[in-house]
């Protein structure tokens, strides 16, 4: 459950980061261009981006170790 939620949250945060990068570098508001200026849909999308960011901070992070940590050269 956490992995699916985390994957969705990452996707939303990446979309938000791209939108903010376009705004910062090129002064182009992608959200307003797609959904209109200050519409209900743009406010919902901005809220989802914020909630996804907070969710990524709040969800427990599972460390994945792909190495053999019991190998003797790590002592």
PDB file of N, CA and C in Angstrom:
ATOM      1  N   UNK A   1       0.823  -1.198   0.000  1.00  0.00           N
ATOM      2  CA  UNK A   1       0.000   0.000   0.000  1.00  0.00           C
ATOM      3  C   UNK A   1       0.862   1.256   0.000  1.00  0.00           C
ATOM      4  N   UNK A   2       1.904   1.259   0.871  1.00  0.00           N
ATOM      5  CA  UNK A   2       2.767   2.432   0.933  1.00  0.00           C
ATOM      6  C   UNK A   2       3.533   2.637  -0.362  1.00  0.00           C
ATOM      7  N   UNK A   3       3.926   1.544  -1.032  1.00  0.00           N
ATOM      8  CA  UNK A   3       4.682   1.678  -2.272  1.00  0.00           C
ATOM      9  C   UNK A   3       3.845   2.304  -3.375  1.00  0.00           C
ATOM     10  N   UNK A   4       2.579   1.925  -3.491  1.00  0.00           N
ATOM     11  CA  UNK A   4       1.707   2.505  -4.505  1.00  0.00           C
ATOM     12  C   UNK A   4       1.464   3.976  -4.208  1.00  0.00           C
ATOM     13  N   UNK A   5       1.188   4.286  -2.951  1.00  0.00           N
ATOM     14  CA  UNK A   5       0.955   5.663  -2.543  1.00  0.00           C
ATOM     15  C   UNK A   5       2.200   6.514  -2.762  1.00  0.00           C
ATOM     16  N   UNK A   6       3.357   5.961  -2.433  1.00  0.00           N
ATOM     17  CA  UNK A   6       4.614   6.683  -2.617  1.00  0.00           C
ATOM     18  C   UNK A   6       4.886   6.929  -4.108  1.00  0.00           C
ATOM     19  N   UNK A   7       4.605   5.946  -4.955  1.00  0.00           N
ATOM     20  CA  UNK A   7       4.829   6.095  -6.390  1.00  0.00           C
ATOM     21  C   UNK A   7       3.920   7.174  -6.979  1.00  0.00           C
ATOM     22  N   UNK A   8       2.664   7.186  -6.569  1.00  0.00           N
ATOM     23  CA  UNK A   8       1.739   8.223  -7.030  1.00  0.00           C
ATOM     24  C   UNK A   8       2.192   9.595  -6.540  1.00  0.00           C
ATOM     25  N   UNK A   9       2.601   9.674  -5.286  1.00  0.00           N
ATOM     26  CA  UNK A   9       3.061  10.941  -4.727  1.00  0.00           C
ATOM     27  C   UNK A   9       4.311  11.435  -5.451  1.00  0.00           C
ATOM     28  N   UNK A  10       5.250  10.531  -5.756  1.00  0.00           N
ATOM     29  CA  UNK A  10       6.442  10.933  -6.510  1.00  0.00           C
ATOM     30  C   UNK A  10       6.071  11.482  -7.878  1.00  0.00           C
ATOM     31  N   UNK A  11       5.140  10.835  -8.556  1.00  0.00           N
ATOM     32  CA  UNK A  11       4.730  11.299  -9.885  1.00  0.00           C
ATOM     33  C   UNK A  11       4.123  12.700  -9.808  1.00  0.00           C
ATOM     34  N   UNK A  12       3.277  12.925  -8.821  1.00  0.00           N
ATOM     35  CA  UNK A  12       2.648  14.240  -8.667  1.00  0.00           C
ATOM     36  C   UNK A  12       3.681  15.297  -8.310  1.00  0.00           C
ATOM     37  N   UNK A  13       4.623  14.962  -7.440  1.00  0.00           N
ATOM     38  CA  UNK A  13       5.658  15.921  -7.046  1.00  0.00           C
ATOM     39  C   UNK A  13       6.573  16.237  -8.229  1.00  0.00           C
ATOM     40  N   UNK A  14       6.885  15.264  -9.060  1.00  0.00           N
ATOM     41  CA  UNK A  14       7.714  15.513 -10.240  1.00  0.00           C
ATOM     42  C   UNK A  14       6.984  16.440 -11.211  1.00  0.00           C
ATOM     43  N   UNK A  15       5.698  16.219 -11.419  1.00  0.00           N
ATOM     44  CA  UNK A  15       4.916  17.121 -12.267  1.00  0.00           C
ATOM     45  C   UNK A  15       4.929  18.539 -11.694  1.00  0.00           C
ATOM     46  N   UNK A  16       4.774  18.642 -10.388  1.00  0.00           N
ATOM     47  CA  UNK A  16       4.820  19.952  -9.741  1.00  0.00           C
ATOM     48  C   UNK A  16       6.185  20.606  -9.853  1.00  0.00           C
ATOM     49  N   UNK A  17       7.239  19.810  -9.720  1.00  0.00           N
ATOM     50  CA  UNK A  17       8.586  20.366  -9.841  1.00  0.00           C
ATOM     51  C   UNK A  17       8.832  20.869 -11.257  1.00  0.00           C
ATOM     52  N   UNK A  18       8.352  20.139 -12.261  1.00  0.00           N
ATOM     53  CA  UNK A  18       8.493  20.605 -13.640  1.00  0.00           C
ATOM     54  C   UNK A  18       7.703  21.888 -13.878  1.00  0.00           C
ATOM     55  N   UNK A  19       6.519  21.968 -13.294  1.00  0.00           N
ATOM     56  CA  UNK A  19       5.707  23.182 -13.437  1.00  0.00           C
ATOM     57  C   UNK A  19       6.410  24.378 -12.799  1.00  0.00           C
ATOM     58  N   UNK A  20       6.991  24.179 -11.612  1.00  0.00           N
ATOM     59  CA  UNK A  20       7.712  25.270 -10.960  1.00  0.00           C
ATOM     60  C   UNK A  20       8.990  25.636 -11.707  1.00  0.00           C
ATOM     61  N   UNK A  21       9.660  24.645 -12.300  1.00  0.00           N
ATOM     62  CA  UNK A  21      10.863  24.938 -13.086  1.00  0.00           C
ATOM     63  C   UNK A  21      10.515  25.757 -14.325  1.00  0.00           C
ATOM     64  N   UNK A  22       9.430  25.403 -15.004  1.00  0.00           N
ATOM     65  CA  UNK A  22       8.993  26.193 -16.160  1.00  0.00           C
ATOM     66  C   UNK A  22       8.648  27.617 -15.757  1.00  0.00           C
ATOM     67  N   UNK A  23       8.036  27.761 -14.598  1.00  0.00           N
ATOM     68  CA  UNK A  23       7.689  29.096 -14.110  1.00  0.00           C
ATOM     69  C   UNK A  23       8.937  29.903 -13.775  1.00  0.00           C
ATOM     70  N   UNK A  24       9.902  29.249 -13.137  1.00  0.00           N
ATOM     71  CA  UNK A  24      11.113  29.955 -12.727  1.00  0.00           C
ATOM     72  C   UNK A  24      12.038  30.302 -13.882  1.00  0.00           C
ATOM     73  N   UNK A  25      12.220  29.389 -14.809  1.00  0.00           N
ATOM     74  CA  UNK A  25      13.164  29.609 -15.903  1.00  0.00           C
ATOM     75  C   UNK A  25      12.580  30.398 -17.068  1.00  0.00           C
ATOM     76  N   UNK A  26      11.322  30.142 -17.389  1.00  0.00           N
ATOM     77  CA  UNK A  26      10.737  30.709 -18.604  1.00  0.00           C
ATOM     78  C   UNK A  26       9.506  31.581 -18.354  1.00  0.00           C
ATOM     79  N   UNK A  27       9.137  31.764 -17.092  1.00  0.00           N
ATOM     80  CA  UNK A  27       7.955  32.537 -16.719  1.00  0.00           C
ATOM     81  C   UNK A  27       6.708  32.011 -17.444  1.00  0.00           C
ATOM     82  N   UNK A  28       6.610  30.689 -17.527  1.00  0.00           N
ATOM     83  CA  UNK A  28       5.482  30.032 -18.178  1.00  0.00           C
ATOM     84  C   UNK A  28       4.762  29.180 -17.148  1.00  0.00           C
ATOM     85  N   UNK A  29       3.528  29.519 -16.861  1.00  0.00           N
ATOM     86  CA  UNK A  29       2.739  28.780 -15.887  1.00  0.00           C
ATOM     87  C   UNK A  29       1.983  27.657 -16.602  1.00  0.00           C
ATOM     88  N   UNK A  30       2.537  26.457 -16.537  1.00  0.00           N
ATOM     89  CA  UNK A  30       1.961  25.306 -17.226  1.00  0.00           C
ATOM     90  C   UNK A  30       0.570  24.965 -16.697  1.00  0.00           C
ATOM     91  N   UNK A  31       0.377  25.085 -15.399  1.00  0.00           N
ATOM     92  CA  UNK A  31      -0.913  24.744 -14.791  1.00  0.00           C
ATOM     93  C   UNK A  31      -2.006  25.695 -15.294  1.00  0.00           C
ATOM     94  N   UNK A  32      -1.698  26.980 -15.313  1.00  0.00           N
ATOM     95  CA  UNK A  32      -2.681  27.954 -15.804  1.00  0.00           C
ATOM     96  C   UNK A  32      -2.916  27.808 -17.296  1.00  0.00           C
ATOM     97  N   UNK A  33      -1.887  27.420 -18.040  1.00  0.00           N
ATOM     98  CA  UNK A  33      -2.048  27.235 -19.479  1.00  0.00           C
ATOM     99  C   UNK A  33      -2.974  26.063 -19.783  1.00  0.00           C
ATOM    100  N   UNK A  34      -2.895  25.024 -18.970  1.00  0.00           N
ATOM    101  CA  UNK A  34      -3.712  23.834 -19.216  1.00  0.00           C
ATOM    102  C   UNK A  34      -5.115  23.999 -18.630  1.00  0.00           C
ATOM    103  N   UNK A  35      -5.216  24.477 -17.391  1.00  0.00           N
ATOM    104  CA  UNK A  35      -6.494  24.500 -16.689  1.00  0.00           C
ATOM    105  C   UNK A  35      -7.127  25.882 -16.599  1.00  0.00           C
ATOM    106  N   UNK A  36      -6.429  26.926 -16.967  1.00  0.00           N
ATOM    107  CA  UNK A  36      -6.960  28.281 -16.862  1.00  0.00           C
ATOM    108  C   UNK A  36      -6.467  28.975 -15.606  1.00  0.00           C
ATOM    109  N   UNK A  37      -6.567  30.270 -15.613  1.00  0.00           N
ATOM    110  CA  UNK A  37      -6.076  31.093 -14.499  1.00  0.00           C
ATOM    111  C   UNK A  37      -7.040  31.032 -13.319  1.00  0.00           C
ATOM    112  N   UNK A  38      -6.577  30.555 -12.190  1.00  0.00           N
ATOM    113  CA  UNK A  38      -7.324  30.497 -10.928  1.00  0.00           C
ATOM    114  C   UNK A  38      -8.667  29.787 -11.052  1.00  0.00           C
ATOM    115  N   UNK A  39      -8.677  28.666 -11.751  1.00  0.00           N
ATOM    116  CA  UNK A  39      -9.901  27.875 -11.828  1.00  0.00           C
ATOM    117  C   UNK A  39      -9.905  26.863 -10.684  1.00  0.00           C
ATOM    118  N   UNK A  40     -11.018  26.220 -10.521  1.00  0.00           N
ATOM    119  CA  UNK A  40     -11.137  25.199  -9.480  1.00  0.00           C
ATOM    120  C   UNK A  40     -10.148  24.064  -9.753  1.00  0.00           C
ATOM    121  N   UNK A  41      -9.999  23.683 -11.036  1.00  0.00           N
ATOM    122  CA  UNK A  41      -9.105  22.578 -11.384  1.00  0.00           C
ATOM    123  C   UNK A  41      -7.645  22.916 -11.109  1.00  0.00           C
ATOM    124  N   UNK A  42      -7.230  24.142 -11.384  1.00  0.00           N
ATOM    125  CA  UNK A  42      -5.843  24.509 -11.097  1.00  0.00           C
ATOM    126  C   UNK A  42      -5.591  24.531  -9.593  1.00  0.00           C
ATOM    127  N   UNK A  43      -6.563  24.984  -8.812  1.00  0.00           N
ATOM    128  CA  UNK A  43      -6.413  24.985  -7.355  1.00  0.00           C
ATOM    129  C   UNK A  43      -6.358  23.569  -6.808  1.00  0.00           C
ATOM    130  N   UNK A  44      -7.153  22.665  -7.398  1.00  0.00           N
ATOM    131  CA  UNK A  44      -7.113  21.260  -6.982  1.00  0.00           C
ATOM    132  C   UNK A  44      -5.748  20.664  -7.282  1.00  0.00           C
ATOM    133  N   UNK A  45      -5.204  20.959  -8.462  1.00  0.00           N
ATOM    134  CA  UNK A  45      -3.895  20.421  -8.822  1.00  0.00           C
ATOM    135  C   UNK A  45      -2.796  20.963  -7.922  1.00  0.00           C
ATOM    136  N   UNK A  46      -2.818  22.266  -7.642  1.00  0.00           N
ATOM    137  CA  UNK A  46      -1.828  22.827  -6.713  1.00  0.00           C
ATOM    138  C   UNK A  46      -1.961  22.183  -5.332  1.00  0.00           C
ATOM    139  N   UNK A  47      -3.186  21.941  -4.894  1.00  0.00           N
ATOM    140  CA  UNK A  47      -3.397  21.301  -3.593  1.00  0.00           C
ATOM    141  C   UNK A  47      -2.885  19.869  -3.597  1.00  0.00           C
ATOM    142  N   UNK A  48      -3.117  19.131  -4.688  1.00  0.00           N
ATOM    143  CA  UNK A  48      -2.610  17.759  -4.781  1.00  0.00           C
ATOM    144  C   UNK A  48      -1.087  17.717  -4.762  1.00  0.00           C
ATOM    145  N   UNK A  49      -0.450  18.673  -5.410  1.00  0.00           N
ATOM    146  CA  UNK A  49       1.012  18.738  -5.400  1.00  0.00           C
ATOM    147  C   UNK A  49       1.515  18.969  -3.973  1.00  0.00           C
ATOM    148  N   UNK A  50       0.878  19.872  -3.253  1.00  0.00           N
ATOM    149  CA  UNK A  50       1.272  20.128  -1.869  1.00  0.00           C
ATOM    150  C   UNK A  50       1.028  18.939  -0.959  1.00  0.00           C
ATOM    151  N   UNK A  51      -0.125  18.291  -1.108  1.00  0.00           N
ATOM    152  CA  UNK A  51      -0.433  17.116  -0.296  1.00  0.00           C
ATOM    153  C   UNK A  51       0.541  15.987  -0.594  1.00  0.00           C
ATOM    154  N   UNK A  52       0.893  15.806  -1.872  1.00  0.00           N
ATOM    155  CA  UNK A  52       1.842  14.750  -2.237  1.00  0.00           C
ATOM    156  C   UNK A  52       3.213  15.009  -1.615  1.00  0.00           C
ATOM    157  N   UNK A  53       3.645  16.257  -1.600  1.00  0.00           N
ATOM    158  CA  UNK A  53       4.920  16.580  -0.966  1.00  0.00           C
ATOM    159  C   UNK A  53       4.913  16.305   0.528  1.00  0.00           C
ATOM    160  N   UNK A  54       3.833  16.681   1.189  1.00  0.00           N
ATOM    161  CA  UNK A  54       3.713  16.424   2.630  1.00  0.00           C
ATOM    162  C   UNK A  54       3.648  14.924   2.891  1.00  0.00           C
ATOM    163  N   UNK A  55       2.948  14.203   2.027  1.00  0.00           N
ATOM    164  CA  UNK A  55       2.838  12.754   2.179  1.00  0.00           C
ATOM    165  C   UNK A  55       4.198  12.076   2.063  1.00  0.00           C
ATOM    166  N   UNK A  56       5.026  12.550   1.128  1.00  0.00           N
ATOM    167  CA  UNK A  56       6.368  11.965   0.989  1.00  0.00           C
ATOM    168  C   UNK A  56       7.217  12.219   2.230  1.00  0.00           C
ATOM    169  N   UNK A  57       6.989  13.341   2.878  1.00  0.00           N
ATOM    170  CA  UNK A  57       7.709  13.608   4.125  1.00  0.00           C
ATOM    171  C   UNK A  57       7.196  12.739   5.265  1.00  0.00           C
ATOM    172  N   UNK A  58       5.898  12.441   5.261  1.00  0.00           N
ATOM    173  CA  UNK A  58       5.286  11.734   6.379  1.00  0.00           C
ATOM    174  C   UNK A  58       5.388  10.218   6.281  1.00  0.00           C
ATOM    175  N   UNK A  59       5.422   9.669   5.058  1.00  0.00           N
ATOM    176  CA  UNK A  59       5.469   8.214   4.913  1.00  0.00           C
ATOM    177  C   UNK A  59       6.814   7.672   5.369  1.00  0.00           C
ATOM    178  N   UNK A  60       6.804   6.539   6.035  1.00  0.00           N
ATOM    179  CA  UNK A  60       8.084   5.944   6.445  1.00  0.00           C
ATOM    180  C   UNK A  60       8.885   5.525   5.223  1.00  0.00           C
ATOM    181  N   UNK A  61      10.176   5.803   5.268  1.00  0.00           N
ATOM    182  CA  UNK A  61      11.061   5.471   4.157  1.00  0.00           C
ATOM    183  C   UNK A  61      11.662   4.100   4.393  1.00  0.00           C
ATOM    184  N   UNK A  62      11.493   3.221   3.428  1.00  0.00           N
ATOM    185  CA  UNK A  62      12.054   1.879   3.533  1.00  0.00           C
ATOM    186  C   UNK A  62      13.377   1.851   2.795  1.00  0.00           C
ATOM    187  N   UNK A  63      14.430   1.541   3.510  1.00  0.00           N
ATOM    188  CA  UNK A  63      15.735   1.459   2.869  1.00  0.00           C
ATOM    189  C   UNK A  63      15.858   0.125   2.163  1.00  0.00           C
ATOM    190  N   UNK A  64      16.256   0.190   0.915  1.00  0.00           N
ATOM    191  CA  UNK A  64      16.438  -1.020   0.134  1.00  0.00           C
ATOM    192  C   UNK A  64      17.928  -1.219  -0.083  1.00  0.00           C
ATOM    193  N   UNK A  65      18.431  -2.324   0.382  1.00  0.00           N
ATOM    194  CA  UNK A  65      19.843  -2.628   0.250  1.00  0.00           C
ATOM    195  C   UNK A  65      19.992  -3.740  -0.777  1.00  0.00           C
ATOM    196  N   UNK A  66      20.670  -3.421  -1.876  1.00  0.00           N
ATOM    197  CA  UNK A  66      20.856  -4.403  -2.934  1.00  0.00           C
ATOM    198  C   UNK A  66      22.233  -5.065  -2.884  1.00  0.00           C
ATOM    199  N   UNK A  67      23.015  -4.724  -1.885  1.00  0.00           N
ATOM    200  CA  UNK A  67      24.337  -5.319  -1.785  1.00  0.00           C
ATOM    201  C   UNK A  67      24.349  -6.425  -0.734  1.00  0.00           C
ATOM    202  N   UNK A  68      25.370  -7.205  -0.757  1.00  0.00           N
ATOM    203  CA  UNK A  68      25.535  -8.245   0.249  1.00  0.00           C
ATOM    204  C   UNK A  68      26.309  -7.638   1.410  1.00  0.00           C
ATOM    205  N   UNK A  69      25.596  -7.132   2.384  1.00  0.00           N
ATOM    206  CA  UNK A  69      26.201  -6.393   3.488  1.00  0.00           C
ATOM    207  C   UNK A  69      26.899  -7.315   4.476  1.00  0.00           C
ATOM    208  N   UNK A  70      26.766  -8.625   4.328  1.00  0.00           N
ATOM    209  CA  UNK A  70      27.429  -9.559   5.226  1.00  0.00           C
ATOM    210  C   UNK A  70      28.803  -9.961   4.721  1.00  0.00           C
ATOM    211  N   UNK A  71      29.214  -9.393   3.593  1.00  0.00           N
ATOM    212  CA  UNK A  71      30.519  -9.730   3.022  1.00  0.00           C
ATOM    213  C   UNK A  71      31.627  -9.288   3.985  1.00  0.00           C
ATOM    214  N   UNK A  72      32.718 -10.026   4.018  1.00  0.00           N
ATOM    215  CA  UNK A  72      33.771  -9.790   5.022  1.00  0.00           C
ATOM    216  C   UNK A  72      34.543  -8.499   4.785  1.00  0.00           C
ATOM    217  N   UNK A  73      34.573  -7.964   3.589  1.00  0.00           N
ATOM    218  CA  UNK A  73      35.367  -6.744   3.362  1.00  0.00           C
ATOM    219  C   UNK A  73      34.667  -5.491   3.877  1.00  0.00           C
ATOM    220  N   UNK A  74      33.448  -5.603   4.415  1.00  0.00           N
ATOM    221  CA  UNK A  74      32.765  -4.459   5.010  1.00  0.00           C
ATOM    222  C   UNK A  74      33.096  -4.329   6.499  1.00  0.00           C
ATOM    223  N   UNK A  75      33.843  -5.257   7.073  1.00  0.00           N
ATOM    224  CA  UNK A  75      34.163  -5.193   8.508  1.00  0.00           C
ATOM    225  C   UNK A  75      35.188  -4.145   8.811  1.00  0.00           C
TER     226      UNK A  75
END
